[in-house]
Amino acid sequence: MSNDRNHRRVTRRSCLVQVSLFSGDRAFPCHVVDLSPQGCRVRIPRDKPLDPVVRVLFPRLGRDLQADVVWRSDTHAGLRFHLGAPRETALL
């Protein structure tokens, strides 16, 4: 059995950053629990549907990033940013 975490091109960094997630005309708070320049894993409420493309607003950076939803479980989702995350995410 293969473990995808061992095959990532870029190491993700564990964190706990509150963000706002925008999916269609809906927005709700959630937490980024790991982060890399290419994407992140977010902890989300079970009852919140996600469109295939979302925006993640990082308030401390004052900007948002568009991302594809790569996978979804009951309480988490894996997102791949359309553009690499700004270098400032290392400060989060």
Protein backbone atom coordinates (compact mmCIF):
# COMPACT_ATOMS: atom_id res chain seq x y z
CA MET A 1 0.00 0.00 0.00
CA SER A 2 1.42 3.36 -1.04
CA ASN A 3 1.39 6.41 1.20
CA ASP A 4 0.85 9.59 -0.87
CA ARG A 5 2.40 11.76 1.82
CA ASN A 6 5.76 10.14 1.08
CA HIS A 7 5.46 11.01 -2.62
CA ARG A 8 4.73 14.73 -2.42
CA ARG A 9 6.99 16.98 -4.44
CA VAL A 10 6.91 19.69 -1.80
CA THR A 11 6.81 19.21 1.96
CA ARG A 12 3.76 20.64 3.66
CA ARG A 13 4.19 22.50 6.92
CA SER A 14 1.80 21.91 9.80
CA CYS A 15 0.03 25.05 10.95
CA LEU A 16 -3.26 26.31 12.32
CA VAL A 17 -4.36 29.43 10.44
CA GLN A 18 -7.91 30.76 10.43
CA VAL A 19 -9.06 31.66 6.92
CA SER A 20 -12.30 32.33 5.09
CA LEU A 21 -13.26 29.87 2.38
CA PHE A 22 -15.42 31.10 -0.50
CA SER A 23 -17.33 28.52 -2.50
CA GLY A 24 -19.74 29.92 -5.06
CA ASP A 25 -21.81 32.57 -3.28
CA ARG A 26 -21.12 31.05 0.15
CA ALA A 27 -18.35 31.98 2.59
CA PHE A 28 -17.47 30.42 5.91
CA PRO A 29 -14.56 30.34 8.38
CA CYS A 30 -12.26 27.35 8.46
CA HIS A 31 -8.67 26.47 9.41
CA VAL A 32 -5.66 25.64 7.27
CA VAL A 33 -3.94 22.74 9.05
CA ASP A 34 -1.02 22.26 6.67
CA LEU A 35 0.40 24.44 3.95
CA SER A 36 2.83 24.37 1.05
CA PRO A 37 3.49 26.75 -1.85
CA GLN A 38 1.29 24.52 -4.05
CA GLY A 39 -1.68 23.92 -1.76
CA CYS A 40 -3.11 23.28 1.67
CA ARG A 41 -5.34 21.05 3.73
CA VAL A 42 -8.28 22.77 5.39
CA ARG A 43 -10.51 21.64 8.23
CA ILE A 44 -14.08 22.45 7.25
CA PRO A 45 -17.54 22.01 8.76
CA ARG A 46 -19.24 18.76 7.71
CA ASP A 47 -22.34 20.47 6.38
CA LYS A 48 -20.58 22.88 4.00
CA PRO A 49 -20.64 21.90 0.32
CA LEU A 50 -17.64 22.87 -1.81
CA ASP A 51 -17.57 23.82 -5.46
CA PRO A 52 -14.72 22.34 -7.54
CA VAL A 53 -12.95 25.74 -7.40
CA VAL A 54 -12.79 27.83 -4.21
CA ARG A 55 -11.03 30.94 -2.90
CA VAL A 56 -9.08 30.96 0.36
CA LEU A 57 -8.76 34.36 2.05
CA PHE A 58 -5.69 34.68 4.27
CA PRO A 59 -6.56 37.73 6.42
CA ARG A 60 -3.02 38.13 7.76
CA LEU A 61 -1.74 38.38 4.19
CA GLY A 62 -4.58 40.58 3.01
CA ARG A 63 -5.18 38.46 -0.09
CA ASP A 64 -6.94 35.39 -1.31
CA LEU A 65 -5.84 32.48 -3.48
CA GLN A 66 -7.95 30.53 -5.93
CA ALA A 67 -7.68 26.75 -5.57
CA ASP A 68 -9.01 23.48 -6.97
CA VAL A 69 -10.58 21.03 -4.52
CA VAL A 70 -8.48 17.90 -5.09
CA TRP A 71 -10.13 15.71 -2.46
CA ARG A 72 -12.76 15.98 0.28
CA SER A 73 -13.57 14.00 3.43
CA ASP A 74 -16.21 14.74 6.05
CA THR A 75 -14.07 17.27 7.89
CA HIS A 76 -11.12 18.14 5.60
CA ALA A 77 -10.35 19.06 2.02
CA GLY A 78 -7.14 19.14 0.01
CA LEU A 79 -6.70 22.26 -2.12
CA ARG A 80 -4.24 22.97 -4.95
CA PHE A 81 -3.57 26.66 -5.55
CA HIS A 82 -3.90 27.94 -9.11
CA LEU A 83 -0.80 30.04 -8.54
CA GLY A 84 1.87 29.21 -5.99
CA ALA A 85 1.25 30.63 -2.55
CA PRO A 86 3.10 33.88 -1.90
CA ARG A 87 6.35 33.64 0.01
CA GLU A 88 4.62 35.40 2.89
CA THR A 89 2.75 32.19 3.73
CA ALA A 90 5.99 31.02 5.35
CA LEU A 91 5.29 33.64 8.03
CA LEU A 92 1.87 32.22 8.94
